[in-house]
Amino acid sequence: MQANRFLGDTVGRTIIKLLVISVLVGMVMSVFNIAPFDVLYGIRDFFVRLWESGFAALGRFGDWLILGASIVVPAFIILRVLNYRRG
């Protein structure tokens, strides 16, 4: 019961959902030739450049925020609309 409350669904359904999303994200990352370590190295390099450039790289963080939000916010709105129609 506690696990279902924490996960928002049954354990089995949550595992299935995570598997499907993982395959889709993996497919997209493969298409764009992105490896998980590329993301980690990008984060590390960001902080190294931030330190070396005297915090002038903070502007780059804002660019990343806007770039990511251009995908995340519409996806969130679409998911909310689809969930609203069901319930």
PDB file of N, CA and C in Angstrom:
ATOM      1  N   MET A   1       0.828  -1.196   0.000  1.00  0.00           N
ATOM      2  CA  MET A   1       0.000   0.000   0.000  1.00  0.00           C
ATOM      3  C   MET A   1       0.872   1.260   0.000  1.00  0.00           C
ATOM      4  N   GLN A   2       1.932   1.259   0.812  1.00  0.00           N
ATOM      5  CA  GLN A   2       2.822   2.415   0.875  1.00  0.00           C
ATOM      6  C   GLN A   2       3.513   2.640  -0.463  1.00  0.00           C
ATOM      7  N   ALA A   3       3.949   1.541  -1.098  1.00  0.00           N
ATOM      8  CA  ALA A   3       4.635   1.667  -2.388  1.00  0.00           C
ATOM      9  C   ALA A   3       3.695   2.231  -3.437  1.00  0.00           C
ATOM     10  N   ASN A   4       2.448   1.777  -3.445  1.00  0.00           N
ATOM     11  CA  ASN A   4       1.485   2.296  -4.418  1.00  0.00           C
ATOM     12  C   ASN A   4       1.246   3.786  -4.212  1.00  0.00           C
ATOM     13  N   ARG A   5       1.171   4.207  -2.981  1.00  0.00           N
ATOM     14  CA  ARG A   5       0.960   5.626  -2.691  1.00  0.00           C
ATOM     15  C   ARG A   5       2.169   6.444  -3.150  1.00  0.00           C
ATOM     16  N   PHE A   6       3.360   5.927  -2.871  1.00  0.00           N
ATOM     17  CA  PHE A   6       4.583   6.633  -3.254  1.00  0.00           C
ATOM     18  C   PHE A   6       4.731   6.694  -4.774  1.00  0.00           C
ATOM     19  N   LEU A   7       4.482   5.586  -5.462  1.00  0.00           N
ATOM     20  CA  LEU A   7       4.670   5.525  -6.913  1.00  0.00           C
ATOM     21  C   LEU A   7       3.504   6.127  -7.687  1.00  0.00           C
ATOM     22  N   GLY A   8       2.348   6.248  -7.072  1.00  0.00           N
ATOM     23  CA  GLY A   8       1.193   6.803  -7.756  1.00  0.00           C
ATOM     24  C   GLY A   8       0.424   5.767  -8.548  1.00  0.00           C
ATOM     25  N   ASP A   9       0.857   4.522  -8.519  1.00  0.00           N
ATOM     26  CA  ASP A   9       0.214   3.432  -9.244  1.00  0.00           C
ATOM     27  C   ASP A   9       0.767   2.134  -8.664  1.00  0.00           C
ATOM     28  N   THR A  10       0.338   1.014  -9.201  1.00  0.00           N
ATOM     29  CA  THR A  10       0.877  -0.245  -8.714  1.00  0.00           C
ATOM     30  C   THR A  10       2.338  -0.370  -9.143  1.00  0.00           C
ATOM     31  N   VAL A  11       3.067  -1.221  -8.459  1.00  0.00           N
ATOM     32  CA  VAL A  11       4.486  -1.396  -8.750  1.00  0.00           C
ATOM     33  C   VAL A  11       4.671  -1.911 -10.180  1.00  0.00           C
ATOM     34  N   GLY A  12       3.887  -2.900 -10.568  1.00  0.00           N
ATOM     35  CA  GLY A  12       4.006  -3.463 -11.916  1.00  0.00           C
ATOM     36  C   GLY A  12       3.752  -2.443 -13.009  1.00  0.00           C
ATOM     37  N   ARG A  13       2.680  -1.673 -12.877  1.00  0.00           N
ATOM     38  CA  ARG A  13       2.358  -0.660 -13.897  1.00  0.00           C
ATOM     39  C   ARG A  13       3.430   0.422 -13.949  1.00  0.00           C
ATOM     40  N   THR A  14       3.953   0.794 -12.792  1.00  0.00           N
ATOM     41  CA  THR A  14       5.007   1.800 -12.757  1.00  0.00           C
ATOM     42  C   THR A  14       6.256   1.288 -13.458  1.00  0.00           C
ATOM     43  N   ILE A  15       6.607   0.023 -13.246  1.00  0.00           N
ATOM     44  CA  ILE A  15       7.781  -0.548 -13.917  1.00  0.00           C
ATOM     45  C   ILE A  15       7.575  -0.570 -15.424  1.00  0.00           C
ATOM     46  N   ILE A  16       6.376  -0.948 -15.877  1.00  0.00           N
ATOM     47  CA  ILE A  16       6.079  -0.960 -17.317  1.00  0.00           C
ATOM     48  C   ILE A  16       6.206   0.440 -17.896  1.00  0.00           C
ATOM     49  N   LYS A  17       5.640   1.427 -17.222  1.00  0.00           N
ATOM     50  CA  LYS A  17       5.721   2.810 -17.702  1.00  0.00           C
ATOM     51  C   LYS A  17       7.175   3.275 -17.796  1.00  0.00           C
ATOM     52  N   LEU A  18       7.953   2.967 -16.764  1.00  0.00           N
ATOM     53  CA  LEU A  18       9.356   3.374 -16.773  1.00  0.00           C
ATOM     54  C   LEU A  18      10.128   2.680 -17.893  1.00  0.00           C
ATOM     55  N   LEU A  19       9.819   1.419 -18.162  1.00  0.00           N
ATOM     56  CA  LEU A  19      10.479   0.709 -19.257  1.00  0.00           C
ATOM     57  C   LEU A  19      10.163   1.346 -20.608  1.00  0.00           C
ATOM     58  N   VAL A  20       8.893   1.669 -20.829  1.00  0.00           N
ATOM     59  CA  VAL A  20       8.490   2.276 -22.106  1.00  0.00           C
ATOM     60  C   VAL A  20       9.140   3.636 -22.277  1.00  0.00           C
ATOM     61  N   ILE A  21       9.106   4.461 -21.246  1.00  0.00           N
ATOM     62  CA  ILE A  21       9.715   5.791 -21.331  1.00  0.00           C
ATOM     63  C   ILE A  21      11.218   5.672 -21.518  1.00  0.00           C
ATOM     64  N   SER A  22      11.838   4.709 -20.855  1.00  0.00           N
ATOM     65  CA  SER A  22      13.279   4.518 -20.997  1.00  0.00           C
ATOM     66  C   SER A  22      13.656   4.148 -22.422  1.00  0.00           C
ATOM     67  N   VAL A  23      12.856   3.286 -23.048  1.00  0.00           N
ATOM     68  CA  VAL A  23      13.127   2.912 -24.445  1.00  0.00           C
ATOM     69  C   VAL A  23      12.980   4.128 -25.354  1.00  0.00           C
ATOM     70  N   LEU A  24      11.929   4.921 -25.141  1.00  0.00           N
ATOM     71  CA  LEU A  24      11.713   6.101 -25.983  1.00  0.00           C
ATOM     72  C   LEU A  24      12.842   7.126 -25.816  1.00  0.00           C
ATOM     73  N   VAL A  25      13.231   7.387 -24.583  1.00  0.00           N
ATOM     74  CA  VAL A  25      14.315   8.342 -24.340  1.00  0.00           C
ATOM     75  C   VAL A  25      15.615   7.803 -24.919  1.00  0.00           C
ATOM     76  N   GLY A  26      15.854   6.504 -24.749  1.00  0.00           N
ATOM     77  CA  GLY A  26      17.048   5.892 -25.323  1.00  0.00           C
ATOM     78  C   GLY A  26      17.070   6.006 -26.831  1.00  0.00           C
ATOM     79  N   MET A  27      15.912   5.850 -27.474  1.00  0.00           N
ATOM     80  CA  MET A  27      15.826   5.975 -28.923  1.00  0.00           C
ATOM     81  C   MET A  27      16.159   7.405 -29.363  1.00  0.00           C
ATOM     82  N   VAL A  28      15.600   8.379 -28.667  1.00  0.00           N
ATOM     83  CA  VAL A  28      15.864   9.778 -29.005  1.00  0.00           C
ATOM     84  C   VAL A  28      17.340  10.110 -28.798  1.00  0.00           C
ATOM     85  N   MET A  29      17.904   9.640 -27.682  1.00  0.00           N
ATOM     86  CA  MET A  29      19.315   9.898 -27.428  1.00  0.00           C
ATOM     87  C   MET A  29      20.193   9.241 -28.480  1.00  0.00           C
ATOM     88  N   SER A  30      19.791   8.069 -28.953  1.00  0.00           N
ATOM     89  CA  SER A  30      20.547   7.377 -29.994  1.00  0.00           C
ATOM     90  C   SER A  30      20.478   8.137 -31.310  1.00  0.00           C
ATOM     91  N   VAL A  31      19.302   8.654 -31.635  1.00  0.00           N
ATOM     92  CA  VAL A  31      19.134   9.415 -32.878  1.00  0.00           C
ATOM     93  C   VAL A  31      20.037  10.651 -32.869  1.00  0.00           C
ATOM     94  N   PHE A  32      20.127  11.315 -31.729  1.00  0.00           N
ATOM     95  CA  PHE A  32      20.942  12.518 -31.626  1.00  0.00           C
ATOM     96  C   PHE A  32      22.376  12.229 -31.192  1.00  0.00           C
ATOM     97  N   ASN A  33      22.716  10.946 -31.102  1.00  0.00           N
ATOM     98  CA  ASN A  33      24.066  10.512 -30.778  1.00  0.00           C
ATOM     99  C   ASN A  33      24.547  11.099 -29.442  1.00  0.00           C
ATOM    100  N   ILE A  34      23.688  10.982 -28.436  1.00  0.00           N
ATOM    101  CA  ILE A  34      23.995  11.478 -27.102  1.00  0.00           C
ATOM    102  C   ILE A  34      24.173  10.277 -26.185  1.00  0.00           C
ATOM    103  N   ALA A  35      25.273  10.242 -25.472  1.00  0.00           N
ATOM    104  CA  ALA A  35      25.528   9.184 -24.499  1.00  0.00           C
ATOM    105  C   ALA A  35      25.298   9.740 -23.094  1.00  0.00           C
ATOM    106  N   PRO A  36      24.940   8.885 -22.143  1.00  0.00           N
ATOM    107  CA  PRO A  36      24.728   9.372 -20.768  1.00  0.00           C
ATOM    108  C   PRO A  36      25.945  10.104 -20.212  1.00  0.00           C
ATOM    109  N   PHE A  37      27.137   9.622 -20.547  1.00  0.00           N
ATOM    110  CA  PHE A  37      28.330  10.299 -20.044  1.00  0.00           C
ATOM    111  C   PHE A  37      28.497  11.677 -20.674  1.00  0.00           C
ATOM    112  N   ASP A  38      27.972  11.883 -21.883  1.00  0.00           N
ATOM    113  CA  ASP A  38      28.020  13.213 -22.494  1.00  0.00           C
ATOM    114  C   ASP A  38      27.268  14.219 -21.632  1.00  0.00           C
ATOM    115  N   VAL A  39      26.149  13.788 -21.081  1.00  0.00           N
ATOM    116  CA  VAL A  39      25.364  14.668 -20.208  1.00  0.00           C
ATOM    117  C   VAL A  39      26.154  14.962 -18.933  1.00  0.00           C
ATOM    118  N   LEU A  40      26.728  13.922 -18.342  1.00  0.00           N
ATOM    119  CA  LEU A  40      27.499  14.128 -17.114  1.00  0.00           C
ATOM    120  C   LEU A  40      28.723  15.003 -17.365  1.00  0.00           C
ATOM    121  N   TYR A  41      29.420  14.748 -18.472  1.00  0.00           N
ATOM    122  CA  TYR A  41      30.584  15.570 -18.802  1.00  0.00           C
ATOM    123  C   TYR A  41      30.163  17.011 -19.096  1.00  0.00           C
ATOM    124  N   GLY A  42      29.011  17.179 -19.715  1.00  0.00           N
ATOM    125  CA  GLY A  42      28.517  18.524 -19.969  1.00  0.00           C
ATOM    126  C   GLY A  42      28.257  19.288 -18.687  1.00  0.00           C
ATOM    127  N   ILE A  43      27.674  18.609 -17.705  1.00  0.00           N
ATOM    128  CA  ILE A  43      27.428  19.245 -16.406  1.00  0.00           C
ATOM    129  C   ILE A  43      28.748  19.587 -15.726  1.00  0.00           C
ATOM    130  N   ARG A  44      29.668  18.624 -15.742  1.00  0.00           N
ATOM    131  CA  ARG A  44      30.989  18.867 -15.131  1.00  0.00           C
ATOM    132  C   ARG A  44      31.690  20.025 -15.826  1.00  0.00           C
ATOM    133  N   ASP A  45      31.697  20.009 -17.164  1.00  0.00           N
ATOM    134  CA  ASP A  45      32.357  21.078 -17.916  1.00  0.00           C
ATOM    135  C   ASP A  45      31.713  22.430 -17.651  1.00  0.00           C
ATOM    136  N   PHE A  46      30.400  22.441 -17.449  1.00  0.00           N
ATOM    137  CA  PHE A  46      29.717  23.689 -17.138  1.00  0.00           C
ATOM    138  C   PHE A  46      30.276  24.301 -15.859  1.00  0.00           C
ATOM    139  N   PHE A  47      30.413  23.486 -14.816  1.00  0.00           N
ATOM    140  CA  PHE A  47      30.907  24.011 -13.548  1.00  0.00           C
ATOM    141  C   PHE A  47      32.385  24.383 -13.621  1.00  0.00           C
ATOM    142  N   VAL A  48      33.159  23.637 -14.397  1.00  0.00           N
ATOM    143  CA  VAL A  48      34.572  23.988 -14.570  1.00  0.00           C
ATOM    144  C   VAL A  48      34.685  25.324 -15.288  1.00  0.00           C
ATOM    145  N   ARG A  49      33.930  25.485 -16.370  1.00  0.00           N
ATOM    146  CA  ARG A  49      33.960  26.762 -17.100  1.00  0.00           C
ATOM    147  C   ARG A  49      33.422  27.897 -16.249  1.00  0.00           C
ATOM    148  N   LEU A  50      32.399  27.608 -15.440  1.00  0.00           N
ATOM    149  CA  LEU A  50      31.845  28.619 -14.537  1.00  0.00           C
ATOM    150  C   LEU A  50      32.931  29.107 -13.583  1.00  0.00           C
ATOM    151  N   TRP A  51      33.669  28.180 -13.023  1.00  0.00           N
ATOM    152  CA  TRP A  51      34.741  28.530 -12.099  1.00  0.00           C
ATOM    153  C   TRP A  51      35.843  29.300 -12.817  1.00  0.00           C
ATOM    154  N   GLU A  52      36.228  28.840 -14.003  1.00  0.00           N
ATOM    155  CA  GLU A  52      37.338  29.451 -14.728  1.00  0.00           C
ATOM    156  C   GLU A  52      36.981  30.810 -15.328  1.00  0.00           C
ATOM    157  N   SER A  53      35.737  31.015 -15.654  1.00  0.00           N
ATOM    158  CA  SER A  53      35.362  32.266 -16.316  1.00  0.00           C
ATOM    159  C   SER A  53      34.844  33.322 -15.345  1.00  0.00           C
ATOM    160  N   GLY A  54      34.921  33.043 -14.071  1.00  0.00           N
ATOM    161  CA  GLY A  54      34.479  34.048 -13.104  1.00  0.00           C
ATOM    162  C   GLY A  54      32.982  34.249 -13.125  1.00  0.00           C
ATOM    163  N   PHE A  55      32.237  33.187 -13.288  1.00  0.00           N
ATOM    164  CA  PHE A  55      30.780  33.181 -13.249  1.00  0.00           C
ATOM    165  C   PHE A  55      30.130  33.875 -14.445  1.00  0.00           C
ATOM    166  N   ALA A  56      30.887  34.144 -15.488  1.00  0.00           N
ATOM    167  CA  ALA A  56      30.284  34.703 -16.702  1.00  0.00           C
ATOM    168  C   ALA A  56      29.460  33.646 -17.422  1.00  0.00           C
ATOM    169  N   ALA A  57      29.672  32.372 -17.092  1.00  0.00           N
ATOM    170  CA  ALA A  57      28.942  31.282 -17.738  1.00  0.00           C
ATOM    171  C   ALA A  57      27.507  31.154 -17.231  1.00  0.00           C
ATOM    172  N   LEU A  58      27.122  31.942 -16.236  1.00  0.00           N
ATOM    173  CA  LEU A  58      25.745  31.865 -15.744  1.00  0.00           C
ATOM    174  C   LEU A  58      24.739  32.211 -16.833  1.00  0.00           C
ATOM    175  N   GLY A  59      25.138  33.036 -17.769  1.00  0.00           N
ATOM    176  CA  GLY A  59      24.260  33.351 -18.895  1.00  0.00           C
ATOM    177  C   GLY A  59      23.955  32.109 -19.700  1.00  0.00           C
ATOM    178  N   ARG A  60      24.908  31.216 -19.809  1.00  0.00           N
ATOM    179  CA  ARG A  60      24.708  29.954 -20.522  1.00  0.00           C
ATOM    180  C   ARG A  60      23.649  29.113 -19.812  1.00  0.00           C
ATOM    181  N   PHE A  61      23.608  29.159 -18.486  1.00  0.00           N
ATOM    182  CA  PHE A  61      22.595  28.437 -17.727  1.00  0.00           C
ATOM    183  C   PHE A  61      21.205  28.924 -18.104  1.00  0.00           C
ATOM    184  N   GLY A  62      21.056  30.228 -18.253  1.00  0.00           N
ATOM    185  CA  GLY A  62      19.774  30.791 -18.679  1.00  0.00           C
ATOM    186  C   GLY A  62      19.391  30.319 -20.072  1.00  0.00           C
ATOM    187  N   ASP A  63      20.375  30.230 -20.963  1.00  0.00           N
ATOM    188  CA  ASP A  63      20.107  29.708 -22.306  1.00  0.00           C
ATOM    189  C   ASP A  63      19.641  28.266 -22.234  1.00  0.00           C
ATOM    190  N   TRP A  64      20.301  27.478 -21.395  1.00  0.00           N
ATOM    191  CA  TRP A  64      19.900  26.077 -21.240  1.00  0.00           C
ATOM    192  C   TRP A  64      18.499  25.975 -20.661  1.00  0.00           C
ATOM    193  N   LEU A  65      18.187  26.862 -19.722  1.00  0.00           N
ATOM    194  CA  LEU A  65      16.862  26.860 -19.113  1.00  0.00           C
ATOM    195  C   LEU A  65      15.791  27.126 -20.162  1.00  0.00           C
ATOM    196  N   ILE A  66      16.005  28.119 -20.986  1.00  0.00           N
ATOM    197  CA  ILE A  66      15.033  28.458 -22.024  1.00  0.00           C
ATOM    198  C   ILE A  66      14.936  27.341 -23.059  1.00  0.00           C
ATOM    199  N   LEU A  67      16.064  26.786 -23.443  1.00  0.00           N
ATOM    200  CA  LEU A  67      16.072  25.698 -24.414  1.00  0.00           C
ATOM    201  C   LEU A  67      15.311  24.489 -23.875  1.00  0.00           C
ATOM    202  N   GLY A  68      15.577  24.104 -22.648  1.00  0.00           N
ATOM    203  CA  GLY A  68      14.878  22.968 -22.050  1.00  0.00           C
ATOM    204  C   GLY A  68      13.401  23.252 -21.847  1.00  0.00           C
ATOM    205  N   ALA A  69      13.081  24.455 -21.425  1.00  0.00           N
ATOM    206  CA  ALA A  69      11.681  24.812 -21.188  1.00  0.00           C
ATOM    207  C   ALA A  69      10.878  24.814 -22.482  1.00  0.00           C
ATOM    208  N   SER A  70      11.533  25.058 -23.603  1.00  0.00           N
ATOM    209  CA  SER A  70      10.813  25.043 -24.879  1.00  0.00           C
ATOM    210  C   SER A  70      10.303  23.652 -25.221  1.00  0.00           C
ATOM    211  N   ILE A  71      10.867  22.625 -24.621  1.00  0.00           N
ATOM    212  CA  ILE A  71      10.390  21.258 -24.814  1.00  0.00           C
ATOM    213  C   ILE A  71       9.528  20.810 -23.632  1.00  0.00           C
ATOM    214  N   VAL A  72       9.978  21.092 -22.424  1.00  0.00           N
ATOM    215  CA  VAL A  72       9.327  20.568 -21.225  1.00  0.00           C
ATOM    216  C   VAL A  72       7.959  21.199 -20.997  1.00  0.00           C
ATOM    217  N   VAL A  73       7.842  22.503 -21.143  1.00  0.00           N
ATOM    218  CA  VAL A  73       6.569  23.175 -20.848  1.00  0.00           C
ATOM    219  C   VAL A  73       5.468  22.737 -21.809  1.00  0.00           C
ATOM    220  N   PRO A  74       5.695  22.727 -23.131  1.00  0.00           N
ATOM    221  CA  PRO A  74       4.626  22.224 -24.010  1.00  0.00           C
ATOM    222  C   PRO A  74       4.276  20.760 -23.741  1.00  0.00           C
ATOM    223  N   ALA A  75       5.277  19.926 -23.447  1.00  0.00           N
ATOM    224  CA  ALA A  75       4.997  18.525 -23.126  1.00  0.00           C
ATOM    225  C   ALA A  75       4.139  18.428 -21.869  1.00  0.00           C
ATOM    226  N   PHE A  76       4.450  19.244 -20.875  1.00  0.00           N
ATOM    227  CA  PHE A  76       3.669  19.256 -19.644  1.00  0.00           C
ATOM    228  C   PHE A  76       2.226  19.673 -19.926  1.00  0.00           C
ATOM    229  N   ILE A  77       2.050  20.707 -20.732  1.00  0.00           N
ATOM    230  CA  ILE A  77       0.701  21.186 -21.051  1.00  0.00           C
ATOM    231  C   ILE A  77      -0.075  20.116 -21.813  1.00  0.00           C
ATOM    232  N   ILE A  78       0.568  19.471 -22.774  1.00  0.00           N
ATOM    233  CA  ILE A  78      -0.098  18.412 -23.541  1.00  0.00           C
ATOM    234  C   ILE A  78      -0.516  17.273 -22.615  1.00  0.00           C
ATOM    235  N   LEU A  79       0.379  16.859 -21.715  1.00  0.00           N
ATOM    236  CA  LEU A  79       0.042  15.783 -20.781  1.00  0.00           C
ATOM    237  C   LEU A  79      -1.106  16.182 -19.861  1.00  0.00           C
ATOM    238  N   ARG A  80      -1.118  17.420 -19.394  1.00  0.00           N
ATOM    239  CA  ARG A  80      -2.205  17.893 -18.535  1.00  0.00           C
ATOM    240  C   ARG A  80      -3.526  17.894 -19.289  1.00  0.00           C
ATOM    241  N   VAL A  81      -3.508  18.335 -20.557  1.00  0.00           N
ATOM    242  CA  VAL A  81      -4.737  18.371 -21.354  1.00  0.00           C
ATOM    243  C   VAL A  81      -5.242  16.947 -21.591  1.00  0.00           C
ATOM    244  N   LEU A  82      -4.341  16.031 -21.918  1.00  0.00           N
ATOM    245  CA  LEU A  82      -4.748  14.649 -22.151  1.00  0.00           C
ATOM    246  C   LEU A  82      -5.299  14.017 -20.881  1.00  0.00           C
ATOM    247  N   ASN A  83      -4.696  14.299 -19.738  1.00  0.00           N
ATOM    248  CA  ASN A  83      -5.191  13.768 -18.469  1.00  0.00           C
ATOM    249  C   ASN A  83      -6.507  14.426 -18.073  1.00  0.00           C
ATOM    250  N   TYR A  84      -6.704  15.666 -18.431  1.00  0.00           N
ATOM    251  CA  TYR A  84      -7.941  16.370 -18.092  1.00  0.00           C
ATOM    252  C   TYR A  84      -9.121  15.770 -18.846  1.00  0.00           C
ATOM    253  N   ARG A  85      -8.889  15.381 -20.109  1.00  0.00           N
ATOM    254  CA  ARG A  85      -9.956  14.793 -20.912  1.00  0.00           C
ATOM    255  C   ARG A  85     -10.384  13.441 -20.355  1.00  0.00           C
ATOM    256  N   ARG A  86      -9.459  12.686 -19.796  1.00  0.00           N
ATOM    257  CA  ARG A  86      -9.782  11.359 -19.255  1.00  0.00           C
ATOM    258  C   ARG A  86     -10.605  11.472 -17.973  1.00  0.00           C
ATOM    259  N   GLY A  87     -10.262  12.416 -17.156  1.00  0.00           N
ATOM    260  CA  GLY A  87     -10.885  12.488 -15.825  1.00  0.00           C
ATOM    261  C   GLY A  87     -11.912  13.490 -15.791  1.00  0.00           C
TER     262      GLY A  87
END
